[in-house]
């Protein structure tokens, strides 16, 4: 019975180590995603972010986010905290 218990503990420890490695990997990937570049979407004259970017035409969209609850506003908050956009973009 003790041998079976020890065997199960070893299996659990091995699974825990694998899970920790996976969690650390996900943490590194999350940190990489957090380094998104926001500046190219920001219009200095309007102090707003564009809705998007057309890769084929290499142009920012002509519409802008200006609603407080929009996902771009939340992205602006993150970009400001990372010193990638000026605080004026929030107001």
PDB file of N, CA and C in Angstrom:
ATOM      1  N   UNK A   1       0.816  -1.182   0.000  1.00  0.00           N
ATOM      2  CA  UNK A   1       0.000   0.000   0.000  1.00  0.00           C
ATOM      3  C   UNK A   1       0.868   1.258   0.000  1.00  0.00           C
ATOM      4  N   UNK A   2       1.960   1.269   0.760  1.00  0.00           N
ATOM      5  CA  UNK A   2       2.859   2.427   0.792  1.00  0.00           C
ATOM      6  C   UNK A   2       3.545   2.593  -0.554  1.00  0.00           C
ATOM      7  N   UNK A   3       3.902   1.469  -1.197  1.00  0.00           N
ATOM      8  CA  UNK A   3       4.527   1.551  -2.518  1.00  0.00           C
ATOM      9  C   UNK A   3       3.578   2.185  -3.525  1.00  0.00           C
ATOM     10  N   UNK A   4       2.324   1.814  -3.470  1.00  0.00           N
ATOM     11  CA  UNK A   4       1.319   2.397  -4.371  1.00  0.00           C
ATOM     12  C   UNK A   4       1.165   3.895  -4.100  1.00  0.00           C
ATOM     13  N   UNK A   5       1.133   4.266  -2.830  1.00  0.00           N
ATOM     14  CA  UNK A   5       1.021   5.669  -2.443  1.00  0.00           C
ATOM     15  C   UNK A   5       2.225   6.457  -2.964  1.00  0.00           C
ATOM     16  N   UNK A   6       3.424   5.939  -2.758  1.00  0.00           N
ATOM     17  CA  UNK A   6       4.640   6.608  -3.230  1.00  0.00           C
ATOM     18  C   UNK A   6       4.636   6.745  -4.752  1.00  0.00           C
ATOM     19  N   UNK A   7       4.152   5.726  -5.421  1.00  0.00           N
ATOM     20  CA  UNK A   7       4.063   5.772  -6.874  1.00  0.00           C
ATOM     21  C   UNK A   7       3.110   6.876  -7.318  1.00  0.00           C
ATOM     22  N   UNK A   8       1.975   6.991  -6.662  1.00  0.00           N
ATOM     23  CA  UNK A   8       1.000   8.023  -7.001  1.00  0.00           C
ATOM     24  C   UNK A   8       1.546   9.422  -6.704  1.00  0.00           C
ATOM     25  N   UNK A   9       2.311   9.550  -5.635  1.00  0.00           N
ATOM     26  CA  UNK A   9       2.924  10.844  -5.301  1.00  0.00           C
ATOM     27  C   UNK A   9       3.920  11.235  -6.378  1.00  0.00           C
ATOM     28  N   UNK A  10       4.721  10.289  -6.856  1.00  0.00           N
ATOM     29  CA  UNK A  10       5.689  10.571  -7.919  1.00  0.00           C
ATOM     30  C   UNK A  10       4.963  10.993  -9.204  1.00  0.00           C
ATOM     31  N   UNK A  11       3.882  10.308  -9.529  1.00  0.00           N
ATOM     32  CA  UNK A  11       3.105  10.656 -10.725  1.00  0.00           C
ATOM     33  C   UNK A  11       2.535  12.067 -10.584  1.00  0.00           C
ATOM     34  N   UNK A  12       1.983  12.358  -9.415  1.00  0.00           N
ATOM     35  CA  UNK A  12       1.418  13.697  -9.176  1.00  0.00           C
ATOM     36  C   UNK A  12       2.499  14.768  -9.246  1.00  0.00           C
ATOM     37  N   UNK A  13       3.669  14.488  -8.690  1.00  0.00           N
ATOM     38  CA  UNK A  13       4.769  15.453  -8.724  1.00  0.00           C
ATOM     39  C   UNK A  13       5.221  15.697 -10.157  1.00  0.00           C
ATOM     40  N   UNK A  14       5.286  14.657 -10.963  1.00  0.00           N
ATOM     41  CA  UNK A  14       5.679  14.793 -12.361  1.00  0.00           C
ATOM     42  C   UNK A  14       4.657  15.636 -13.123  1.00  0.00           C
ATOM     43  N   UNK A  15       3.388  15.375 -12.881  1.00  0.00           N
ATOM     44  CA  UNK A  15       2.339  16.165 -13.545  1.00  0.00           C
ATOM     45  C   UNK A  15       2.401  17.625 -13.098  1.00  0.00           C
ATOM     46  N   UNK A  16       2.660  17.861 -11.831  1.00  0.00           N
ATOM     47  CA  UNK A  16       2.755  19.228 -11.314  1.00  0.00           C
ATOM     48  C   UNK A  16       3.926  19.965 -11.963  1.00  0.00           C
ATOM     49  N   UNK A  17       5.068  19.287 -12.110  1.00  0.00           N
ATOM     50  CA  UNK A  17       6.229  19.910 -12.759  1.00  0.00           C
ATOM     51  C   UNK A  17       5.912  20.283 -14.203  1.00  0.00           C
ATOM     52  N   UNK A  18       5.234  19.395 -14.913  1.00  0.00           N
ATOM     53  CA  UNK A  18       4.859  19.675 -16.298  1.00  0.00           C
ATOM     54  C   UNK A  18       3.891  20.853 -16.369  1.00  0.00           C
ATOM     55  N   UNK A  19       2.970  20.910 -15.432  1.00  0.00           N
ATOM     56  CA  UNK A  19       1.996  22.013 -15.406  1.00  0.00           C
ATOM     57  C   UNK A  19       2.698  23.340 -15.115  1.00  0.00           C
ATOM     58  N   UNK A  20       3.663  23.312 -14.223  1.00  0.00           N
ATOM     59  CA  UNK A  20       4.416  24.534 -13.906  1.00  0.00           C
ATOM     60  C   UNK A  20       5.183  25.022 -15.126  1.00  0.00           C
ATOM     61  N   UNK A  21       5.800  24.108 -15.860  1.00  0.00           N
ATOM     62  CA  UNK A  21       6.523  24.479 -17.087  1.00  0.00           C
ATOM     63  C   UNK A  21       5.560  25.107 -18.091  1.00  0.00           C
ATOM     64  N   UNK A  22       4.359  24.521 -18.237  1.00  0.00           N
ATOM     65  CA  UNK A  22       3.375  25.050 -19.167  1.00  0.00           C
ATOM     66  C   UNK A  22       2.908  26.446 -18.723  1.00  0.00           C
ATOM     67  N   UNK A  23       2.659  26.633 -17.439  1.00  0.00           N
ATOM     68  CA  UNK A  23       2.219  27.932 -16.919  1.00  0.00           C
ATOM     69  C   UNK A  23       3.303  28.985 -17.130  1.00  0.00           C
ATOM     70  N   UNK A  24       4.552  28.631 -16.890  1.00  0.00           N
ATOM     71  CA  UNK A  24       5.651  29.574 -17.112  1.00  0.00           C
ATOM     72  C   UNK A  24       5.753  29.956 -18.581  1.00  0.00           C
ATOM     73  N   UNK A  25       5.547  28.980 -19.467  1.00  0.00           N
ATOM     74  CA  UNK A  25       5.569  29.255 -20.899  1.00  0.00           C
ATOM     75  C   UNK A  25       4.438  30.200 -21.285  1.00  0.00           C
ATOM     76  N   UNK A  26       3.248  29.971 -20.765  1.00  0.00           N
ATOM     77  CA  UNK A  26       2.119  30.855 -21.041  1.00  0.00           C
ATOM     78  C   UNK A  26       2.371  32.259 -20.495  1.00  0.00           C
ATOM     79  N   UNK A  27       3.010  32.358 -19.343  1.00  0.00           N
ATOM     80  CA  UNK A  27       3.354  33.659 -18.774  1.00  0.00           C
ATOM     81  C   UNK A  27       4.308  34.424 -19.670  1.00  0.00           C
ATOM     82  N   UNK A  28       5.317  33.732 -20.221  1.00  0.00           N
ATOM     83  CA  UNK A  28       6.262  34.380 -21.130  1.00  0.00           C
ATOM     84  C   UNK A  28       5.551  34.861 -22.398  1.00  0.00           C
ATOM     85  N   UNK A  29       4.676  34.009 -22.945  1.00  0.00           N
ATOM     86  CA  UNK A  29       3.932  34.400 -24.145  1.00  0.00           C
ATOM     87  C   UNK A  29       3.028  35.589 -23.871  1.00  0.00           C
ATOM     88  N   UNK A  30       2.381  35.604 -22.722  1.00  0.00           N
ATOM     89  CA  UNK A  30       1.521  36.729 -22.348  1.00  0.00           C
ATOM     90  C   UNK A  30       2.321  38.019 -22.253  1.00  0.00           C
ATOM     91  N   UNK A  31       3.513  37.940 -21.689  1.00  0.00           N
ATOM     92  CA  UNK A  31       4.374  39.121 -21.580  1.00  0.00           C
ATOM     93  C   UNK A  31       4.772  39.618 -22.967  1.00  0.00           C
ATOM     94  N   UNK A  32       5.013  38.703 -23.901  1.00  0.00           N
ATOM     95  CA  UNK A  32       5.350  39.101 -25.271  1.00  0.00           C
ATOM     96  C   UNK A  32       4.165  39.799 -25.937  1.00  0.00           C
ATOM     97  N   UNK A  33       2.951  39.261 -25.748  1.00  0.00           N
ATOM     98  CA  UNK A  33       1.761  39.885 -26.329  1.00  0.00           C
ATOM     99  C   UNK A  33       1.513  41.263 -25.737  1.00  0.00           C
ATOM    100  N   UNK A  34       1.913  41.480 -24.517  1.00  0.00           N
ATOM    101  CA  UNK A  34       1.695  42.774 -23.855  1.00  0.00           C
ATOM    102  C   UNK A  34       2.586  43.860 -24.449  1.00  0.00           C
ATOM    103  N   UNK A  35       3.571  43.498 -25.244  1.00  0.00           N
ATOM    104  CA  UNK A  35       4.494  44.471 -25.840  1.00  0.00           C
ATOM    105  C   UNK A  35       4.009  44.926 -27.218  1.00  0.00           C
ATOM    106  N   UNK A  36       2.722  44.975 -27.415  1.00  0.00           N
ATOM    107  CA  UNK A  36       2.115  45.414 -28.669  1.00  0.00           C
ATOM    108  C   UNK A  36       2.481  46.874 -28.960  1.00  0.00           C
ATOM    109  N   UNK A  37       2.745  47.184 -30.198  1.00  0.00           N
ATOM    110  CA  UNK A  37       3.089  48.549 -30.600  1.00  0.00           C
ATOM    111  C   UNK A  37       1.808  49.304 -30.971  1.00  0.00           C
ATOM    112  N   UNK A  38       1.501  50.360 -30.244  1.00  0.00           N
ATOM    113  CA  UNK A  38       0.273  51.122 -30.448  1.00  0.00           C
ATOM    114  C   UNK A  38       0.476  52.395 -31.255  1.00  0.00           C
ATOM    115  N   UNK A  39       1.682  52.895 -31.288  1.00  0.00           N
ATOM    116  CA  UNK A  39       1.946  54.205 -31.861  1.00  0.00           C
ATOM    117  C   UNK A  39       1.484  54.388 -33.291  1.00  0.00           C
ATOM    118  N   UNK A  40       1.566  53.368 -34.123  1.00  0.00           N
ATOM    119  CA  UNK A  40       1.209  53.540 -35.524  1.00  0.00           C
ATOM    120  C   UNK A  40      -0.299  53.730 -35.720  1.00  0.00           C
ATOM    121  N   UNK A  41      -1.106  53.403 -34.716  1.00  0.00           N
ATOM    122  CA  UNK A  41      -2.551  53.606 -34.799  1.00  0.00           C
ATOM    123  C   UNK A  41      -2.990  54.960 -34.239  1.00  0.00           C
ATOM    124  N   UNK A  42      -2.069  55.711 -33.689  1.00  0.00           N
ATOM    125  CA  UNK A  42      -2.407  56.959 -33.015  1.00  0.00           C
ATOM    126  C   UNK A  42      -2.297  58.134 -33.966  1.00  0.00           C
ATOM    127  N   UNK A  43      -3.325  58.955 -33.994  1.00  0.00           N
ATOM    128  CA  UNK A  43      -3.339  60.166 -34.811  1.00  0.00           C
ATOM    129  C   UNK A  43      -3.041  61.360 -33.901  1.00  0.00           C
ATOM    130  N   UNK A  44      -1.879  61.960 -34.064  1.00  0.00           N
ATOM    131  CA  UNK A  44      -1.451  63.077 -33.209  1.00  0.00           C
ATOM    132  C   UNK A  44      -2.377  64.292 -33.303  1.00  0.00           C
ATOM    133  N   UNK A  45      -2.925  64.548 -34.473  1.00  0.00           N
ATOM    134  CA  UNK A  45      -3.767  65.731 -34.632  1.00  0.00           C
ATOM    135  C   UNK A  45      -5.125  65.574 -33.953  1.00  0.00           C
ATOM    136  N   UNK A  46      -5.643  64.367 -33.882  1.00  0.00           N
ATOM    137  CA  UNK A  46      -6.949  64.123 -33.253  1.00  0.00           C
ATOM    138  C   UNK A  46      -6.829  63.622 -31.808  1.00  0.00           C
ATOM    139  N   UNK A  47      -5.650  63.164 -31.455  1.00  0.00           N
ATOM    140  CA  UNK A  47      -5.418  62.559 -30.135  1.00  0.00           C
ATOM    141  C   UNK A  47      -6.311  61.335 -29.922  1.00  0.00           C
ATOM    142  N   UNK A  48      -6.474  60.550 -30.984  1.00  0.00           N
ATOM    143  CA  UNK A  48      -7.297  59.336 -30.941  1.00  0.00           C
ATOM    144  C   UNK A  48      -6.602  58.215 -31.707  1.00  0.00           C
ATOM    145  N   UNK A  49      -7.010  56.992 -31.422  1.00  0.00           N
ATOM    146  CA  UNK A  49      -6.530  55.847 -32.184  1.00  0.00           C
ATOM    147  C   UNK A  49      -7.491  55.547 -33.325  1.00  0.00           C
ATOM    148  N   UNK A  50      -6.934  55.119 -34.444  1.00  0.00           N
ATOM    149  CA  UNK A  50      -7.783  54.704 -35.552  1.00  0.00           C
ATOM    150  C   UNK A  50      -8.397  53.350 -35.220  1.00  0.00           C
ATOM    151  N   UNK A  51      -9.459  53.025 -35.947  1.00  0.00           N
ATOM    152  CA  UNK A  51     -10.144  51.751 -35.715  1.00  0.00           C
ATOM    153  C   UNK A  51      -9.260  50.578 -36.126  1.00  0.00           C
ATOM    154  N   UNK A  52      -8.453  50.771 -37.129  1.00  0.00           N
ATOM    155  CA  UNK A  52      -7.608  49.665 -37.568  1.00  0.00           C
ATOM    156  C   UNK A  52      -6.596  50.094 -38.605  1.00  0.00           C
ATOM    157  N   UNK A  53      -5.999  49.106 -39.225  1.00  0.00           N
ATOM    158  CA  UNK A  53      -4.938  49.339 -40.195  1.00  0.00           C
ATOM    159  C   UNK A  53      -5.145  48.400 -41.370  1.00  0.00           C
ATOM    160  N   UNK A  54      -5.130  48.937 -42.580  1.00  0.00           N
ATOM    161  CA  UNK A  54      -5.263  48.141 -43.792  1.00  0.00           C
ATOM    162  C   UNK A  54      -3.861  47.742 -44.248  1.00  0.00           C
ATOM    163  N   UNK A  55      -3.530  46.483 -44.072  1.00  0.00           N
ATOM    164  CA  UNK A  55      -2.180  45.997 -44.363  1.00  0.00           C
ATOM    165  C   UNK A  55      -1.881  46.080 -45.858  1.00  0.00           C
ATOM    166  N   UNK A  56      -2.857  45.714 -46.700  1.00  0.00           N
ATOM    167  CA  UNK A  56      -2.624  45.725 -48.145  1.00  0.00           C
ATOM    168  C   UNK A  56      -2.314  47.129 -48.653  1.00  0.00           C
ATOM    169  N   UNK A  57      -3.047  48.128 -48.155  1.00  0.00           N
ATOM    170  CA  UNK A  57      -2.842  49.508 -48.603  1.00  0.00           C
ATOM    171  C   UNK A  57      -1.826  50.256 -47.750  1.00  0.00           C
ATOM    172  N   UNK A  58      -1.431  49.667 -46.652  1.00  0.00           N
ATOM    173  CA  UNK A  58      -0.487  50.277 -45.717  1.00  0.00           C
ATOM    174  C   UNK A  58      -0.970  51.646 -45.230  1.00  0.00           C
ATOM    175  N   UNK A  59      -2.256  51.679 -44.875  1.00  0.00           N
ATOM    176  CA  UNK A  59      -2.876  52.910 -44.396  1.00  0.00           C
ATOM    177  C   UNK A  59      -3.729  52.641 -43.168  1.00  0.00           C
ATOM    178  N   UNK A  60      -3.744  53.622 -42.268  1.00  0.00           N
ATOM    179  CA  UNK A  60      -4.659  53.546 -41.136  1.00  0.00           C
ATOM    180  C   UNK A  60      -6.068  53.810 -41.630  1.00  0.00           C
ATOM    181  N   UNK A  61      -7.059  53.199 -40.971  1.00  0.00           N
ATOM    182  CA  UNK A  61      -8.455  53.459 -41.309  1.00  0.00           C
ATOM    183  C   UNK A  61      -8.793  54.917 -41.046  1.00  0.00           C
ATOM    184  N   UNK A  62      -9.820  55.400 -41.736  1.00  0.00           N
ATOM    185  CA  UNK A  62     -10.194  56.810 -41.595  1.00  0.00           C
ATOM    186  C   UNK A  62     -11.172  57.058 -40.449  1.00  0.00           C
ATOM    187  N   UNK A  63     -11.568  56.033 -39.732  1.00  0.00           N
ATOM    188  CA  UNK A  63     -12.455  56.188 -38.582  1.00  0.00           C
ATOM    189  C   UNK A  63     -11.651  56.054 -37.296  1.00  0.00           C
ATOM    190  N   UNK A  64     -12.177  56.670 -36.239  1.00  0.00           N
ATOM    191  CA  UNK A  64     -11.445  56.722 -34.974  1.00  0.00           C
ATOM    192  C   UNK A  64     -12.334  56.278 -33.818  1.00  0.00           C
ATOM    193  N   UNK A  65     -11.695  55.701 -32.820  1.00  0.00           N
ATOM    194  CA  UNK A  65     -12.394  55.353 -31.590  1.00  0.00           C
ATOM    195  C   UNK A  65     -12.418  56.582 -30.680  1.00  0.00           C
ATOM    196  N   UNK A  66     -13.603  56.916 -30.193  1.00  0.00           N
ATOM    197  CA  UNK A  66     -13.668  58.004 -29.235  1.00  0.00           C
ATOM    198  C   UNK A  66     -14.671  57.724 -28.114  1.00  0.00           C
ATOM    199  N   UNK A  67     -15.127  56.496 -27.995  1.00  0.00           N
ATOM    200  CA  UNK A  67     -16.050  56.132 -26.927  1.00  0.00           C
ATOM    201  C   UNK A  67     -15.280  55.607 -25.733  1.00  0.00           C
ATOM    202  N   UNK A  68     -15.691  56.003 -24.568  1.00  0.00           N
ATOM    203  CA  UNK A  68     -14.981  55.625 -23.349  1.00  0.00           C
ATOM    204  C   UNK A  68     -14.943  54.114 -23.150  1.00  0.00           C
ATOM    205  N   UNK A  69     -16.004  53.415 -23.523  1.00  0.00           N
ATOM    206  CA  UNK A  69     -16.085  51.976 -23.244  1.00  0.00           C
ATOM    207  C   UNK A  69     -15.557  51.099 -24.375  1.00  0.00           C
ATOM    208  N   UNK A  70     -15.049  51.684 -25.441  1.00  0.00           N
ATOM    209  CA  UNK A  70     -14.593  50.863 -26.562  1.00  0.00           C
ATOM    210  C   UNK A  70     -13.314  50.116 -26.209  1.00  0.00           C
ATOM    211  N   UNK A  71     -13.082  49.031 -26.934  1.00  0.00           N
ATOM    212  CA  UNK A  71     -11.877  48.237 -26.683  1.00  0.00           C
ATOM    213  C   UNK A  71     -10.617  49.037 -26.980  1.00  0.00           C
ATOM    214  N   UNK A  72     -10.708  49.963 -27.918  1.00  0.00           N
ATOM    215  CA  UNK A  72      -9.547  50.793 -28.209  1.00  0.00           C
ATOM    216  C   UNK A  72      -9.223  51.720 -27.050  1.00  0.00           C
ATOM    217  N   UNK A  73     -10.241  52.200 -26.360  1.00  0.00           N
ATOM    218  CA  UNK A  73     -10.007  53.053 -25.197  1.00  0.00           C
ATOM    219  C   UNK A  73      -9.275  52.266 -24.119  1.00  0.00           C
ATOM    220  N   UNK A  74      -9.645  51.017 -23.973  1.00  0.00           N
ATOM    221  CA  UNK A  74      -8.949  50.183 -22.998  1.00  0.00           C
ATOM    222  C   UNK A  74      -7.507  49.938 -23.448  1.00  0.00           C
ATOM    223  N   UNK A  75      -7.331  49.749 -24.751  1.00  0.00           N
ATOM    224  CA  UNK A  75      -5.970  49.588 -25.277  1.00  0.00           C
ATOM    225  C   UNK A  75      -5.176  50.871 -25.074  1.00  0.00           C
ATOM    226  N   UNK A  76      -5.836  52.032 -25.207  1.00  0.00           N
ATOM    227  CA  UNK A  76      -5.160  53.304 -24.963  1.00  0.00           C
ATOM    228  C   UNK A  76      -4.665  53.384 -23.526  1.00  0.00           C
ATOM    229  N   UNK A  77      -5.494  52.939 -22.612  1.00  0.00           N
ATOM    230  CA  UNK A  77      -5.115  52.936 -21.197  1.00  0.00           C
ATOM    231  C   UNK A  77      -3.854  52.109 -20.983  1.00  0.00           C
ATOM    232  N   UNK A  78      -3.804  50.937 -21.595  1.00  0.00           N
ATOM    233  CA  UNK A  78      -2.624  50.070 -21.475  1.00  0.00           C
ATOM    234  C   UNK A  78      -1.415  50.734 -22.122  1.00  0.00           C
ATOM    235  N   UNK A  79      -1.607  51.297 -23.307  1.00  0.00           N
ATOM    236  CA  UNK A  79      -0.495  51.943 -24.016  1.00  0.00           C
ATOM    237  C   UNK A  79       0.042  53.139 -23.244  1.00  0.00           C
ATOM    238  N   UNK A  80      -0.845  53.898 -22.605  1.00  0.00           N
ATOM    239  CA  UNK A  80      -0.399  55.031 -21.782  1.00  0.00           C
ATOM    240  C   UNK A  80       0.426  54.522 -20.611  1.00  0.00           C
ATOM    241  N   UNK A  81      -0.038  53.456 -19.992  1.00  0.00           N
ATOM    242  CA  UNK A  81       0.695  52.912 -18.839  1.00  0.00           C
ATOM    243  C   UNK A  81       2.059  52.371 -19.230  1.00  0.00           C
ATOM    244  N   UNK A  82       2.216  51.992 -20.502  1.00  0.00           N
ATOM    245  CA  UNK A  82       3.508  51.505 -20.995  1.00  0.00           C
ATOM    246  C   UNK A  82       4.334  52.623 -21.635  1.00  0.00           C
ATOM    247  N   UNK A  83       3.878  53.869 -21.492  1.00  0.00           N
ATOM    248  CA  UNK A  83       4.550  55.039 -22.068  1.00  0.00           C
ATOM    249  C   UNK A  83       4.693  54.967 -23.581  1.00  0.00           C
ATOM    250  N   UNK A  84       3.726  54.330 -24.244  1.00  0.00           N
ATOM    251  CA  UNK A  84       3.749  54.277 -25.691  1.00  0.00           C
ATOM    252  C   UNK A  84       2.865  55.337 -26.336  1.00  0.00           C
ATOM    253  N   UNK A  85       1.877  55.848 -25.591  1.00  0.00           N
ATOM    254  CA  UNK A  85       1.004  56.912 -26.070  1.00  0.00           C
ATOM    255  C   UNK A  85       0.962  58.025 -25.030  1.00  0.00           C
ATOM    256  N   UNK A  86       0.719  59.253 -25.485  1.00  0.00           N
ATOM    257  CA  UNK A  86       0.623  60.351 -24.509  1.00  0.00           C
ATOM    258  C   UNK A  86      -0.686  60.277 -23.732  1.00  0.00           C
ATOM    259  N   UNK A  87      -0.713  60.857 -22.554  1.00  0.00           N
ATOM    260  CA  UNK A  87      -1.914  60.865 -21.735  1.00  0.00           C
ATOM    261  C   UNK A  87      -3.081  61.563 -22.432  1.00  0.00           C
ATOM    262  N   UNK A  88      -2.800  62.492 -23.313  1.00  0.00           N
ATOM    263  CA  UNK A  88      -3.842  63.223 -24.010  1.00  0.00           C
ATOM    264  C   UNK A  88      -4.758  62.292 -24.805  1.00  0.00           C
ATOM    265  N   UNK A  89      -4.257  61.133 -25.199  1.00  0.00           N
ATOM    266  CA  UNK A  89      -5.071  60.207 -25.983  1.00  0.00           C
ATOM    267  C   UNK A  89      -6.250  59.676 -25.173  1.00  0.00           C
ATOM    268  N   UNK A  90      -6.172  59.746 -23.864  1.00  0.00           N
ATOM    269  CA  UNK A  90      -7.268  59.267 -23.021  1.00  0.00           C
ATOM    270  C   UNK A  90      -8.395  60.283 -22.955  1.00  0.00           C
ATOM    271  N   UNK A  91      -8.071  61.558 -23.046  1.00  0.00           N
ATOM    272  CA  UNK A  91      -9.081  62.599 -22.826  1.00  0.00           C
ATOM    273  C   UNK A  91      -9.731  62.987 -24.110  1.00  0.00           C
TER     274      UNK A  91
END
